[in-house]
Amino acid sequence: MSLNYNEIGKNIREVRKENGLSQAMLSELVEKSPSYISYIETGAKSMSLNTFVMIANALGVTADRLLMEQLDEKNDITSSQVAALLADCSAFEDGVIIDTIKALKHSMRERRKR
């Protein structure tokens, strides 16, 4: 299996934009040139594992978030995505959301049995 650098680059671009970063800003964080970041995002160039880890850390995501389409087992919703959604919630809101998810999960499994 070979890695699809186009997909990895697309994921990097998506997360970078979600974080409100320009290519120039990301390039400063990882100490690479803006043109190199552009090449990575378009899949024109591959990157070292060290650069990949630096990018993931700079974007505040796990490696699996950037590799999603490359992994055999995929979760559409990763723990980092859930954490990002809950980041600005109060403890009360977290509790309500968790209770809602538990109830929804239970309901779906009960309906599936029918």
Protein backbone atom coordinates (compact mmCIF):
# COMPACT_ATOMS: atom_id res chain seq x y z
CA MET A 1 0.00 0.00 0.00
CA SER A 2 1.30 3.44 -0.85
CA LEU A 3 0.19 6.64 0.79
CA ASN A 4 -2.04 9.01 -1.12
CA TYR A 5 -0.27 12.32 -0.52
CA ASN A 6 -3.08 14.20 -2.29
CA GLU A 7 -5.56 13.07 0.38
CA ILE A 8 -3.15 13.77 3.23
CA GLY A 9 -2.48 17.23 1.81
CA LYS A 10 -6.20 17.86 1.43
CA ASN A 11 -6.73 16.96 5.09
CA ILE A 12 -3.89 19.25 6.17
CA ARG A 13 -5.39 22.12 4.15
CA GLU A 14 -8.86 21.49 5.60
CA VAL A 15 -7.64 21.50 9.21
CA ARG A 16 -5.38 24.49 8.60
CA LYS A 17 -8.34 26.49 7.29
CA GLU A 18 -10.56 25.32 10.17
CA ASN A 19 -7.91 26.71 12.51
CA GLY A 20 -7.86 30.03 10.64
CA LEU A 21 -4.23 29.67 9.59
CA SER A 22 -2.71 30.75 6.31
CA GLN A 23 -0.04 28.66 4.63
CA ALA A 24 2.48 31.30 5.69
CA MET A 25 1.39 31.04 9.33
CA LEU A 26 1.63 27.24 9.29
CA SER A 27 5.00 27.41 7.58
CA GLU A 28 6.33 29.59 10.42
CA LEU A 29 5.04 27.17 13.03
CA VAL A 30 6.79 24.20 11.40
CA GLU A 31 9.81 26.14 10.14
CA LYS A 32 9.25 25.28 6.47
CA SER A 33 8.72 27.57 3.50
CA PRO A 34 5.18 28.58 2.49
CA SER A 35 5.78 27.08 -0.96
CA TYR A 36 6.71 23.74 0.64
CA ILE A 37 3.45 23.80 2.64
CA SER A 38 1.62 24.48 -0.63
CA TYR A 39 3.36 21.53 -2.29
CA ILE A 40 2.40 19.28 0.64
CA GLU A 41 -1.24 20.41 0.54
CA THR A 42 -1.52 19.73 -3.19
CA GLY A 43 0.28 16.40 -2.95
CA ALA A 44 3.04 17.63 -5.26
CA LYS A 45 5.67 16.74 -2.66
CA SER A 46 5.81 14.19 0.11
CA MET A 47 7.12 15.01 3.56
CA SER A 48 9.25 13.33 6.17
CA LEU A 49 7.66 11.74 9.20
CA ASN A 50 9.22 14.48 11.30
CA THR A 51 7.56 17.20 9.18
CA PHE A 52 4.24 15.33 9.32
CA VAL A 53 4.37 15.20 13.13
CA MET A 54 5.34 18.88 13.31
CA ILE A 55 2.35 19.78 11.12
CA ALA A 56 -0.05 17.65 13.19
CA ASN A 57 1.23 19.25 16.40
CA ALA A 58 1.02 22.77 14.93
CA LEU A 59 -2.58 22.11 13.86
CA GLY A 60 -3.47 20.55 17.21
CA VAL A 61 -4.75 17.30 15.71
CA THR A 62 -3.83 13.65 15.91
CA ALA A 63 -2.01 11.93 13.08
CA ASP A 64 -5.05 9.77 12.34
CA ARG A 65 -7.08 12.91 11.62
CA LEU A 66 -4.66 13.75 8.81
CA LEU A 67 -4.37 10.13 7.63
CA MET A 68 -8.08 9.26 7.75
CA GLU A 69 -8.44 8.03 4.17
CA GLN A 70 -5.21 6.03 4.48
CA LEU A 71 -6.24 3.90 7.46
CA ASP A 72 -7.91 0.52 7.07
CA GLU A 73 -10.22 1.19 9.99
CA LYS A 74 -11.74 4.64 9.85
CA ASN A 75 -13.94 6.51 12.25
CA ASP A 76 -15.90 9.28 10.63
CA ILE A 77 -15.77 11.13 13.90
CA THR A 78 -12.41 11.06 15.63
CA SER A 79 -11.82 11.82 19.26
CA SER A 80 -10.08 15.05 18.27
CA GLN A 81 -13.18 16.18 16.37
CA VAL A 82 -15.38 15.44 19.38
CA ALA A 83 -12.93 17.24 21.67
CA ALA A 84 -13.00 20.26 19.35
CA LEU A 85 -16.80 20.32 19.44
CA LEU A 86 -16.83 20.18 23.24
CA ALA A 87 -13.95 22.61 23.78
CA ASP A 88 -16.12 25.65 24.45
CA CYS A 89 -18.84 23.83 26.43
CA SER A 90 -19.42 24.21 30.14
CA ALA A 91 -19.38 21.16 32.43
CA PHE A 92 -23.19 21.24 32.41
CA GLU A 93 -23.30 21.29 28.60
CA ASP A 94 -20.76 18.44 28.42
CA GLY A 95 -22.99 16.37 30.69
CA VAL A 96 -26.12 17.04 28.65
CA ILE A 97 -24.31 16.20 25.40
CA ILE A 98 -22.89 12.95 26.82
CA ASP A 99 -26.33 11.95 28.17
CA THR A 100 -27.87 12.71 24.76
CA ILE A 101 -25.27 10.62 22.94
CA LYS A 102 -25.82 7.70 25.33
CA ALA A 103 -29.59 7.88 24.85
CA LEU A 104 -29.24 8.13 21.07
CA LYS A 105 -26.87 5.15 20.97
CA HIS A 106 -29.25 3.09 23.10
CA SER A 107 -32.24 4.05 20.95
CA MET A 108 -30.47 3.16 17.71
CA ARG A 109 -29.45 -0.25 19.04
CA GLU A 110 -32.97 -0.97 20.29
CA ARG A 111 -34.50 -0.04 16.93
CA ARG A 112 -31.95 -2.19 15.10
CA LYS A 113 -33.18 -5.23 17.09
CA ARG A 114 -36.74 -4.82 15.77
